[in-house]
Amino acid sequence: MFVILWEFEVKPGCQERFERVYGTQGAWVQLFLRDPRFRGSQLLRDPSRTLFYFTLDFWDSETAYQDFQNAHRASYEQLDGATETLTLKEHRIGSFTMSQ
């Protein structure tokens, strides 16, 4: 399994909306569900830094994720633009392969 880890610093007052958009039923997951090789997403909040969140997106493989990116680039960029007002910073920490 392939996992992508992101870190977000959310603008003060935007936490609730951010959690709705990035949560397990949110707009990002709905977009990713267009590909049957998407395996789910988790949203984590840092309890010591309440404006910091992490997402983990799970895919069958790196190829599955890249194929999704190529097939849905316009939708991805549109949603990314629509949600960038919720954050102060966004950082892709890395991509990882999970051992089975």
PDB file of N, CA and C in Angstrom:
ATOM      1  N   MET A   1       0.847  -1.172   0.000  1.00  0.00           N
ATOM      2  CA  MET A   1       0.000   0.000   0.000  1.00  0.00           C
ATOM      3  C   MET A   1       0.893   1.236   0.000  1.00  0.00           C
ATOM      4  N   PHE A   2       0.421   2.283  -0.663  1.00  0.00           N
ATOM      5  CA  PHE A   2       1.133   3.543  -0.816  1.00  0.00           C
ATOM      6  C   PHE A   2       0.413   4.604   0.012  1.00  0.00           C
ATOM      7  N   VAL A   3       1.163   5.376   0.806  1.00  0.00           N
ATOM      8  CA  VAL A   3       0.575   6.383   1.696  1.00  0.00           C
ATOM      9  C   VAL A   3       1.235   7.732   1.441  1.00  0.00           C
ATOM     10  N   ILE A   4       0.411   8.774   1.380  1.00  0.00           N
ATOM     11  CA  ILE A   4       0.913  10.133   1.242  1.00  0.00           C
ATOM     12  C   ILE A   4       0.566  10.882   2.522  1.00  0.00           C
ATOM     13  N   LEU A   5       1.558  11.531   3.113  1.00  0.00           N
ATOM     14  CA  LEU A   5       1.387  12.252   4.368  1.00  0.00           C
ATOM     15  C   LEU A   5       1.541  13.747   4.130  1.00  0.00           C
ATOM     16  N   TRP A   6       0.502  14.497   4.505  1.00  0.00           N
ATOM     17  CA  TRP A   6       0.491  15.950   4.380  1.00  0.00           C
ATOM     18  C   TRP A   6       0.368  16.585   5.752  1.00  0.00           C
ATOM     19  N   GLU A   7       0.974  17.768   5.913  1.00  0.00           N
ATOM     20  CA  GLU A   7       0.805  18.583   7.111  1.00  0.00           C
ATOM     21  C   GLU A   7       0.172  19.912   6.695  1.00  0.00           C
ATOM     22  N   PHE A   8      -0.799  20.364   7.493  1.00  0.00           N
ATOM     23  CA  PHE A   8      -1.493  21.615   7.233  1.00  0.00           C
ATOM     24  C   PHE A   8      -1.490  22.478   8.490  1.00  0.00           C
ATOM     25  N   GLU A   9      -1.254  23.762   8.304  1.00  0.00           N
ATOM     26  CA  GLU A   9      -1.512  24.727   9.363  1.00  0.00           C
ATOM     27  C   GLU A   9      -2.769  25.479   8.942  1.00  0.00           C
ATOM     28  N   VAL A  10      -3.811  25.327   9.728  1.00  0.00           N
ATOM     29  CA  VAL A  10      -5.122  25.875   9.382  1.00  0.00           C
ATOM     30  C   VAL A  10      -5.250  27.297   9.925  1.00  0.00           C
ATOM     31  N   LYS A  11      -5.902  28.152   9.150  1.00  0.00           N
ATOM     32  CA  LYS A  11      -6.149  29.519   9.604  1.00  0.00           C
ATOM     33  C   LYS A  11      -7.053  29.495  10.832  1.00  0.00           C
ATOM     34  N   PRO A  12      -6.772  30.356  11.800  1.00  0.00           N
ATOM     35  CA  PRO A  12      -7.644  30.427  12.977  1.00  0.00           C
ATOM     36  C   PRO A  12      -9.096  30.685  12.555  1.00  0.00           C
ATOM     37  N   GLY A  13     -10.002  29.945  13.167  1.00  0.00           N
ATOM     38  CA  GLY A  13     -11.421  30.073  12.856  1.00  0.00           C
ATOM     39  C   GLY A  13     -11.887  29.201  11.702  1.00  0.00           C
ATOM     40  N   CYS A  14     -10.970  28.515  11.029  1.00  0.00           N
ATOM     41  CA  CYS A  14     -11.323  27.673   9.875  1.00  0.00           C
ATOM     42  C   CYS A  14     -11.258  26.181  10.186  1.00  0.00           C
ATOM     43  N   GLN A  15     -11.022  25.837  11.444  1.00  0.00           N
ATOM     44  CA  GLN A  15     -10.814  24.440  11.800  1.00  0.00           C
ATOM     45  C   GLN A  15     -12.035  23.570  11.478  1.00  0.00           C
ATOM     46  N   GLU A  16     -13.219  24.031  11.814  1.00  0.00           N
ATOM     47  CA  GLU A  16     -14.417  23.216  11.585  1.00  0.00           C
ATOM     48  C   GLU A  16     -14.638  22.952  10.095  1.00  0.00           C
ATOM     49  N   ARG A  17     -14.509  23.983   9.292  1.00  0.00           N
ATOM     50  CA  ARG A  17     -14.677  23.797   7.839  1.00  0.00           C
ATOM     51  C   ARG A  17     -13.577  22.905   7.272  1.00  0.00           C
ATOM     52  N   PHE A  18     -12.345  23.111   7.732  1.00  0.00           N
ATOM     53  CA  PHE A  18     -11.240  22.274   7.283  1.00  0.00           C
ATOM     54  C   PHE A  18     -11.532  20.805   7.589  1.00  0.00           C
ATOM     55  N   GLU A  19     -11.990  20.532   8.794  1.00  0.00           N
ATOM     56  CA  GLU A  19     -12.283  19.149   9.180  1.00  0.00           C
ATOM     57  C   GLU A  19     -13.391  18.547   8.322  1.00  0.00           C
ATOM     58  N   ARG A  20     -14.372  19.341   7.940  1.00  0.00           N
ATOM     59  CA  ARG A  20     -15.437  18.825   7.056  1.00  0.00           C
ATOM     60  C   ARG A  20     -14.889  18.501   5.662  1.00  0.00           C
ATOM     61  N   VAL A  21     -14.066  19.374   5.124  1.00  0.00           N
ATOM     62  CA  VAL A  21     -13.538  19.206   3.760  1.00  0.00           C
ATOM     63  C   VAL A  21     -12.510  18.085   3.676  1.00  0.00           C
ATOM     64  N   TYR A  22     -11.683  17.949   4.718  1.00  0.00           N
ATOM     65  CA  TYR A  22     -10.591  16.979   4.699  1.00  0.00           C
ATOM     66  C   TYR A  22     -10.906  15.698   5.472  1.00  0.00           C
ATOM     67  N   GLY A  23     -12.054  15.632   6.106  1.00  0.00           N
ATOM     68  CA  GLY A  23     -12.429  14.454   6.877  1.00  0.00           C
ATOM     69  C   GLY A  23     -12.796  13.270   5.999  1.00  0.00           C
ATOM     70  N   THR A  24     -13.163  12.174   6.633  1.00  0.00           N
ATOM     71  CA  THR A  24     -13.391  10.909   5.921  1.00  0.00           C
ATOM     72  C   THR A  24     -14.592  10.938   4.974  1.00  0.00           C
ATOM     73  N   GLN A  25     -15.472  11.915   5.107  1.00  0.00           N
ATOM     74  CA  GLN A  25     -16.604  12.054   4.190  1.00  0.00           C
ATOM     75  C   GLN A  25     -16.508  13.336   3.374  1.00  0.00           C
ATOM     76  N   GLY A  26     -15.382  14.025   3.481  1.00  0.00           N
ATOM     77  CA  GLY A  26     -15.211  15.341   2.876  1.00  0.00           C
ATOM     78  C   GLY A  26     -14.981  15.334   1.376  1.00  0.00           C
ATOM     79  N   ALA A  27     -14.831  16.540   0.864  1.00  0.00           N
ATOM     80  CA  ALA A  27     -14.692  16.745  -0.585  1.00  0.00           C
ATOM     81  C   ALA A  27     -13.467  16.046  -1.164  1.00  0.00           C
ATOM     82  N   TRP A  28     -12.361  16.021  -0.414  1.00  0.00           N
ATOM     83  CA  TRP A  28     -11.167  15.354  -0.940  1.00  0.00           C
ATOM     84  C   TRP A  28     -11.393  13.852  -1.079  1.00  0.00           C
ATOM     85  N   VAL A  29     -11.980  13.257  -0.073  1.00  0.00           N
ATOM     86  CA  VAL A  29     -12.247  11.811  -0.145  1.00  0.00           C
ATOM     87  C   VAL A  29     -13.229  11.523  -1.275  1.00  0.00           C
ATOM     88  N   GLN A  30     -14.231  12.371  -1.436  1.00  0.00           N
ATOM     89  CA  GLN A  30     -15.201  12.164  -2.521  1.00  0.00           C
ATOM     90  C   GLN A  30     -14.505  12.209  -3.888  1.00  0.00           C
ATOM     91  N   LEU A  31     -13.553  13.107  -4.036  1.00  0.00           N
ATOM     92  CA  LEU A  31     -12.790  13.160  -5.282  1.00  0.00           C
ATOM     93  C   LEU A  31     -11.955  11.896  -5.462  1.00  0.00           C
ATOM     94  N   PHE A  32     -11.241  11.497  -4.424  1.00  0.00           N
ATOM     95  CA  PHE A  32     -10.387  10.314  -4.522  1.00  0.00           C
ATOM     96  C   PHE A  32     -11.185   9.041  -4.798  1.00  0.00           C
ATOM     97  N   LEU A  33     -12.420   8.995  -4.317  1.00  0.00           N
ATOM     98  CA  LEU A  33     -13.251   7.803  -4.520  1.00  0.00           C
ATOM     99  C   LEU A  33     -13.621   7.561  -5.983  1.00  0.00           C
ATOM    100  N   ARG A  34     -13.293   8.482  -6.859  1.00  0.00           N
ATOM    101  CA  ARG A  34     -13.500   8.263  -8.290  1.00  0.00           C
ATOM    102  C   ARG A  34     -12.602   7.137  -8.814  1.00  0.00           C
ATOM    103  N   ASP A  35     -11.577   6.817  -8.043  1.00  0.00           N
ATOM    104  CA  ASP A  35     -10.657   5.749  -8.437  1.00  0.00           C
ATOM    105  C   ASP A  35     -10.837   4.561  -7.491  1.00  0.00           C
ATOM    106  N   PRO A  36     -11.108   3.379  -8.014  1.00  0.00           N
ATOM    107  CA  PRO A  36     -11.328   2.217  -7.150  1.00  0.00           C
ATOM    108  C   PRO A  36     -10.078   1.760  -6.399  1.00  0.00           C
ATOM    109  N   ARG A  37      -8.930   2.314  -6.738  1.00  0.00           N
ATOM    110  CA  ARG A  37      -7.694   1.917  -6.061  1.00  0.00           C
ATOM    111  C   ARG A  37      -7.364   2.808  -4.859  1.00  0.00           C
ATOM    112  N   PHE A  38      -8.235   3.781  -4.597  1.00  0.00           N
ATOM    113  CA  PHE A  38      -8.112   4.597  -3.393  1.00  0.00           C
ATOM    114  C   PHE A  38      -8.628   3.776  -2.218  1.00  0.00           C
ATOM    115  N   ARG A  39      -7.885   3.749  -1.120  1.00  0.00           N
ATOM    116  CA  ARG A  39      -8.221   2.890   0.024  1.00  0.00           C
ATOM    117  C   ARG A  39      -8.665   3.640   1.269  1.00  0.00           C
ATOM    118  N   GLY A  40      -8.656   4.960   1.229  1.00  0.00           N
ATOM    119  CA  GLY A  40      -9.149   5.707   2.375  1.00  0.00           C
ATOM    120  C   GLY A  40      -8.207   6.817   2.785  1.00  0.00           C
ATOM    121  N   SER A  41      -8.700   7.624   3.711  1.00  0.00           N
ATOM    122  CA  SER A  41      -7.948   8.765   4.194  1.00  0.00           C
ATOM    123  C   SER A  41      -8.189   8.921   5.690  1.00  0.00           C
ATOM    124  N   GLN A  42      -7.195   9.417   6.384  1.00  0.00           N
ATOM    125  CA  GLN A  42      -7.336   9.709   7.806  1.00  0.00           C
ATOM    126  C   GLN A  42      -6.935  11.156   8.043  1.00  0.00           C
ATOM    127  N   LEU A  43      -7.677  11.815   8.924  1.00  0.00           N
ATOM    128  CA  LEU A  43      -7.371  13.182   9.321  1.00  0.00           C
ATOM    129  C   LEU A  43      -6.990  13.163  10.795  1.00  0.00           C
ATOM    130  N   LEU A  44      -5.822  13.721  11.098  1.00  0.00           N
ATOM    131  CA  LEU A  44      -5.314  13.767  12.470  1.00  0.00           C
ATOM    132  C   LEU A  44      -5.096  15.220  12.875  1.00  0.00           C
ATOM    133  N   ARG A  45      -5.479  15.562  14.118  1.00  0.00           N
ATOM    134  CA  ARG A  45      -5.225  16.901  14.646  1.00  0.00           C
ATOM    135  C   ARG A  45      -4.146  16.792  15.712  1.00  0.00           C
ATOM    136  N   ASP A  46      -3.201  17.702  15.667  1.00  0.00           N
ATOM    137  CA  ASP A  46      -2.126  17.728  16.646  1.00  0.00           C
ATOM    138  C   ASP A  46      -2.669  18.355  17.933  1.00  0.00           C
ATOM    139  N   PRO A  47      -2.746  17.608  19.033  1.00  0.00           N
ATOM    140  CA  PRO A  47      -3.330  18.154  20.260  1.00  0.00           C
ATOM    141  C   PRO A  47      -2.489  19.254  20.912  1.00  0.00           C
ATOM    142  N   SER A  48      -1.212  19.314  20.634  1.00  0.00           N
ATOM    143  CA  SER A  48      -0.367  20.345  21.234  1.00  0.00           C
ATOM    144  C   SER A  48      -0.272  21.608  20.375  1.00  0.00           C
ATOM    145  N   ARG A  49      -0.645  21.485  19.106  1.00  0.00           N
ATOM    146  CA  ARG A  49      -0.668  22.638  18.189  1.00  0.00           C
ATOM    147  C   ARG A  49      -2.015  22.576  17.480  1.00  0.00           C
ATOM    148  N   THR A  50      -3.021  23.195  18.055  1.00  0.00           N
ATOM    149  CA  THR A  50      -4.412  22.970  17.633  1.00  0.00           C
ATOM    150  C   THR A  50      -4.728  23.434  16.218  1.00  0.00           C
ATOM    151  N   LEU A  51      -3.860  24.169  15.583  1.00  0.00           N
ATOM    152  CA  LEU A  51      -4.094  24.589  14.201  1.00  0.00           C
ATOM    153  C   LEU A  51      -3.396  23.677  13.199  1.00  0.00           C
ATOM    154  N   PHE A  52      -2.726  22.635  13.692  1.00  0.00           N
ATOM    155  CA  PHE A  52      -1.985  21.741  12.815  1.00  0.00           C
ATOM    156  C   PHE A  52      -2.710  20.412  12.657  1.00  0.00           C
ATOM    157  N   TYR A  53      -2.813  19.984  11.405  1.00  0.00           N
ATOM    158  CA  TYR A  53      -3.482  18.734  11.047  1.00  0.00           C
ATOM    159  C   TYR A  53      -2.573  17.952  10.108  1.00  0.00           C
ATOM    160  N   PHE A  54      -2.825  16.651  10.066  1.00  0.00           N
ATOM    161  CA  PHE A  54      -2.123  15.765   9.143  1.00  0.00           C
ATOM    162  C   PHE A  54      -3.155  14.918   8.421  1.00  0.00           C
ATOM    163  N   THR A  55      -2.921  14.664   7.145  1.00  0.00           N
ATOM    164  CA  THR A  55      -3.753  13.710   6.421  1.00  0.00           C
ATOM    165  C   THR A  55      -2.872  12.580   5.929  1.00  0.00           C
ATOM    166  N   LEU A  56      -3.448  11.401   5.922  1.00  0.00           N
ATOM    167  CA  LEU A  56      -2.812  10.223   5.342  1.00  0.00           C
ATOM    168  C   LEU A  56      -3.781   9.699   4.292  1.00  0.00           C
ATOM    169  N   ASP A  57      -3.324   9.626   3.064  1.00  0.00           N
ATOM    170  CA  ASP A  57      -4.135   9.118   1.964  1.00  0.00           C
ATOM    171  C   ASP A  57      -3.553   7.786   1.511  1.00  0.00           C
ATOM    172  N   PHE A  58      -4.409   6.779   1.460  1.00  0.00           N
ATOM    173  CA  PHE A  58      -3.980   5.410   1.186  1.00  0.00           C
ATOM    174  C   PHE A  58      -4.420   4.978  -0.214  1.00  0.00           C
ATOM    175  N   TRP A  59      -3.468   4.467  -0.973  1.00  0.00           N
ATOM    176  CA  TRP A  59      -3.697   4.000  -2.342  1.00  0.00           C
ATOM    177  C   TRP A  59      -3.115   2.598  -2.485  1.00  0.00           C
ATOM    178  N   ASP A  60      -3.607   1.863  -3.462  1.00  0.00           N
ATOM    179  CA  ASP A  60      -3.065   0.526  -3.710  1.00  0.00           C
ATOM    180  C   ASP A  60      -1.570   0.568  -4.017  1.00  0.00           C
ATOM    181  N   SER A  61      -1.158   1.608  -4.760  1.00  0.00           N
ATOM    182  CA  SER A  61       0.238   1.706  -5.182  1.00  0.00           C
ATOM    183  C   SER A  61       0.542   3.141  -5.590  1.00  0.00           C
ATOM    184  N   GLU A  62       1.803   3.437  -5.744  1.00  0.00           N
ATOM    185  CA  GLU A  62       2.192   4.754  -6.247  1.00  0.00           C
ATOM    186  C   GLU A  62       1.660   4.956  -7.661  1.00  0.00           C
ATOM    187  N   THR A  63       1.682   3.910  -8.457  1.00  0.00           N
ATOM    188  CA  THR A  63       1.147   3.991  -9.819  1.00  0.00           C
ATOM    189  C   THR A  63      -0.339   4.343  -9.807  1.00  0.00           C
ATOM    190  N   ALA A  64      -1.098   3.758  -8.889  1.00  0.00           N
ATOM    191  CA  ALA A  64      -2.525   4.070  -8.779  1.00  0.00           C
ATOM    192  C   ALA A  64      -2.720   5.550  -8.486  1.00  0.00           C
ATOM    193  N   TYR A  65      -1.936   6.084  -7.584  1.00  0.00           N
ATOM    194  CA  TYR A  65      -2.034   7.507  -7.246  1.00  0.00           C
ATOM    195  C   TYR A  65      -1.651   8.372  -8.446  1.00  0.00           C
ATOM    196  N   GLN A  66      -0.579   8.038  -9.119  1.00  0.00           N
ATOM    197  CA  GLN A  66      -0.157   8.814 -10.287  1.00  0.00           C
ATOM    198  C   GLN A  66      -1.195   8.749 -11.403  1.00  0.00           C
ATOM    199  N   ASP A  67      -1.775   7.580 -11.626  1.00  0.00           N
ATOM    200  CA  ASP A  67      -2.836   7.441 -12.631  1.00  0.00           C
ATOM    201  C   ASP A  67      -4.022   8.328 -12.278  1.00  0.00           C
ATOM    202  N   PHE A  68      -4.396   8.335 -10.990  1.00  0.00           N
ATOM    203  CA  PHE A  68      -5.488   9.192 -10.540  1.00  0.00           C
ATOM    204  C   PHE A  68      -5.151  10.656 -10.818  1.00  0.00           C
ATOM    205  N   GLN A  69      -3.935  11.072 -10.476  1.00  0.00           N
ATOM    206  CA  GLN A  69      -3.519  12.459 -10.687  1.00  0.00           C
ATOM    207  C   GLN A  69      -3.633  12.843 -12.163  1.00  0.00           C
ATOM    208  N   ASN A  70      -3.192  11.956 -13.027  1.00  0.00           N
ATOM    209  CA  ASN A  70      -3.257  12.238 -14.466  1.00  0.00           C
ATOM    210  C   ASN A  70      -4.693  12.306 -14.968  1.00  0.00           C
ATOM    211  N   ALA A  71      -5.540  11.420 -14.502  1.00  0.00           N
ATOM    212  CA  ALA A  71      -6.926  11.347 -14.986  1.00  0.00           C
ATOM    213  C   ALA A  71      -7.804  12.457 -14.423  1.00  0.00           C
ATOM    214  N   HIS A  72      -7.464  12.978 -13.238  1.00  0.00           N
ATOM    215  CA  HIS A  72      -8.349  13.938 -12.554  1.00  0.00           C
ATOM    216  C   HIS A  72      -7.631  15.235 -12.193  1.00  0.00           C
ATOM    217  N   ARG A  73      -6.623  15.584 -12.971  1.00  0.00           N
ATOM    218  CA  ARG A  73      -5.812  16.766 -12.665  1.00  0.00           C
ATOM    219  C   ARG A  73      -6.652  18.036 -12.542  1.00  0.00           C
ATOM    220  N   ALA A  74      -7.559  18.272 -13.459  1.00  0.00           N
ATOM    221  CA  ALA A  74      -8.361  19.504 -13.430  1.00  0.00           C
ATOM    222  C   ALA A  74      -9.236  19.570 -12.180  1.00  0.00           C
ATOM    223  N   SER A  75      -9.890  18.470 -11.836  1.00  0.00           N
ATOM    224  CA  SER A  75     -10.730  18.438 -10.637  1.00  0.00           C
ATOM    225  C   SER A  75      -9.896  18.617  -9.380  1.00  0.00           C
ATOM    226  N   TYR A  76      -8.722  18.002  -9.340  1.00  0.00           N
ATOM    227  CA  TYR A  76      -7.814  18.118  -8.203  1.00  0.00           C
ATOM    228  C   TYR A  76      -7.389  19.571  -8.023  1.00  0.00           C
ATOM    229  N   GLU A  77      -6.962  20.196  -9.103  1.00  0.00           N
ATOM    230  CA  GLU A  77      -6.502  21.581  -9.024  1.00  0.00           C
ATOM    231  C   GLU A  77      -7.639  22.528  -8.649  1.00  0.00           C
ATOM    232  N   GLN A  78      -8.839  22.251  -9.135  1.00  0.00           N
ATOM    233  CA  GLN A  78      -9.987  23.082  -8.793  1.00  0.00           C
ATOM    234  C   GLN A  78     -10.298  22.991  -7.296  1.00  0.00           C
ATOM    235  N   LEU A  79     -10.321  21.786  -6.747  1.00  0.00           N
ATOM    236  CA  LEU A  79     -10.589  21.607  -5.325  1.00  0.00           C
ATOM    237  C   LEU A  79      -9.449  22.182  -4.486  1.00  0.00           C
ATOM    238  N   ASP A  80      -8.226  22.007  -4.919  1.00  0.00           N
ATOM    239  CA  ASP A  80      -7.076  22.559  -4.212  1.00  0.00           C
ATOM    240  C   ASP A  80      -7.194  24.078  -4.127  1.00  0.00           C
ATOM    241  N   GLY A  81      -7.568  24.705  -5.219  1.00  0.00           N
ATOM    242  CA  GLY A  81      -7.736  26.156  -5.228  1.00  0.00           C
ATOM    243  C   GLY A  81      -8.875  26.615  -4.332  1.00  0.00           C
ATOM    244  N   ALA A  82      -9.949  25.844  -4.315  1.00  0.00           N
ATOM    245  CA  ALA A  82     -11.114  26.198  -3.503  1.00  0.00           C
ATOM    246  C   ALA A  82     -10.863  26.043  -2.009  1.00  0.00           C
ATOM    247  N   THR A  83      -9.919  25.188  -1.636  1.00  0.00           N
ATOM    248  CA  THR A  83      -9.673  24.935  -0.214  1.00  0.00           C
ATOM    249  C   THR A  83      -8.422  25.621   0.325  1.00  0.00           C
ATOM    250  N   GLU A  84      -7.648  26.265  -0.537  1.00  0.00           N
ATOM    251  CA  GLU A  84      -6.411  26.887  -0.063  1.00  0.00           C
ATOM    252  C   GLU A  84      -6.665  28.055   0.881  1.00  0.00           C
ATOM    253  N   THR A  85      -7.863  28.623   0.862  1.00  0.00           N
ATOM    254  CA  THR A  85      -8.183  29.728   1.763  1.00  0.00           C
ATOM    255  C   THR A  85      -8.328  29.267   3.214  1.00  0.00           C
ATOM    256  N   LEU A  86      -8.371  27.953   3.444  1.00  0.00           N
ATOM    257  CA  LEU A  86      -8.527  27.426   4.797  1.00  0.00           C
ATOM    258  C   LEU A  86      -7.205  27.294   5.544  1.00  0.00           C
ATOM    259  N   THR A  87      -6.096  27.381   4.827  1.00  0.00           N
ATOM    260  CA  THR A  87      -4.805  27.076   5.442  1.00  0.00           C
ATOM    261  C   THR A  87      -3.806  28.225   5.312  1.00  0.00           C
ATOM    262  N   LEU A  88      -2.888  28.248   6.269  1.00  0.00           N
ATOM    263  CA  LEU A  88      -1.755  29.163   6.210  1.00  0.00           C
ATOM    264  C   LEU A  88      -0.577  28.505   5.507  1.00  0.00           C
ATOM    265  N   LYS A  89      -0.412  27.195   5.767  1.00  0.00           N
ATOM    266  CA  LYS A  89       0.675  26.426   5.153  1.00  0.00           C
ATOM    267  C   LYS A  89       0.191  25.019   4.849  1.00  0.00           C
ATOM    268  N   GLU A  90       0.762  24.472   3.802  1.00  0.00           N
ATOM    269  CA  GLU A  90       0.482  23.093   3.391  1.00  0.00           C
ATOM    270  C   GLU A  90       1.809  22.489   2.962  1.00  0.00           C
ATOM    271  N   HIS A  91       2.105  21.304   3.478  1.00  0.00           N
ATOM    272  CA  HIS A  91       3.412  20.698   3.182  1.00  0.00           C
ATOM    273  C   HIS A  91       3.250  19.191   3.009  1.00  0.00           C
ATOM    274  N   ARG A  92       3.666  18.703   1.856  1.00  0.00           N
ATOM    275  CA  ARG A  92       3.685  17.255   1.651  1.00  0.00           C
ATOM    276  C   ARG A  92       4.931  16.712   2.322  1.00  0.00           C
ATOM    277  N   ILE A  93       4.731  16.005   3.427  1.00  0.00           N
ATOM    278  CA  ILE A  93       5.863  15.482   4.194  1.00  0.00           C
ATOM    279  C   ILE A  93       6.560  14.377   3.426  1.00  0.00           C
ATOM    280  N   GLY A  94       5.767  13.507   2.800  1.00  0.00           N
ATOM    281  CA  GLY A  94       6.390  12.443   2.034  1.00  0.00           C
ATOM    282  C   GLY A  94       5.410  11.379   1.614  1.00  0.00           C
ATOM    283  N   SER A  95       5.932  10.441   0.869  1.00  0.00           N
ATOM    284  CA  SER A  95       5.176   9.285   0.385  1.00  0.00           C
ATOM    285  C   SER A  95       5.876   8.036   0.880  1.00  0.00           C
ATOM    286  N   PHE A  96       5.082   7.055   1.250  1.00  0.00           N
ATOM    287  CA  PHE A  96       5.643   5.867   1.878  1.00  0.00           C
ATOM    288  C   PHE A  96       4.970   4.613   1.344  1.00  0.00           C
ATOM    289  N   THR A  97       5.709   3.541   1.334  1.00  0.00           N
ATOM    290  CA  THR A  97       5.157   2.236   1.000  1.00  0.00           C
ATOM    291  C   THR A  97       5.047   1.443   2.281  1.00  0.00           C
ATOM    292  N   MET A  98       3.858   0.909   2.529  1.00  0.00           N
ATOM    293  CA  MET A  98       3.628   0.114   3.730  1.00  0.00           C
ATOM    294  C   MET A  98       3.930  -1.344   3.438  1.00  0.00           C
ATOM    295  N   SER A  99       4.595  -1.998   4.356  1.00  0.00           N
ATOM    296  CA  SER A  99       4.829  -3.426   4.245  1.00  0.00           C
ATOM    297  C   SER A  99       3.521  -4.164   4.524  1.00  0.00           C
ATOM    298  N   GLN A 100       3.314  -5.242   3.837  1.00  0.00           N
ATOM    299  CA  GLN A 100       2.082  -6.016   4.026  1.00  0.00           C
ATOM    300  C   GLN A 100       2.269  -7.064   5.081  1.00  0.00           C
TER     301      GLN A 100
END
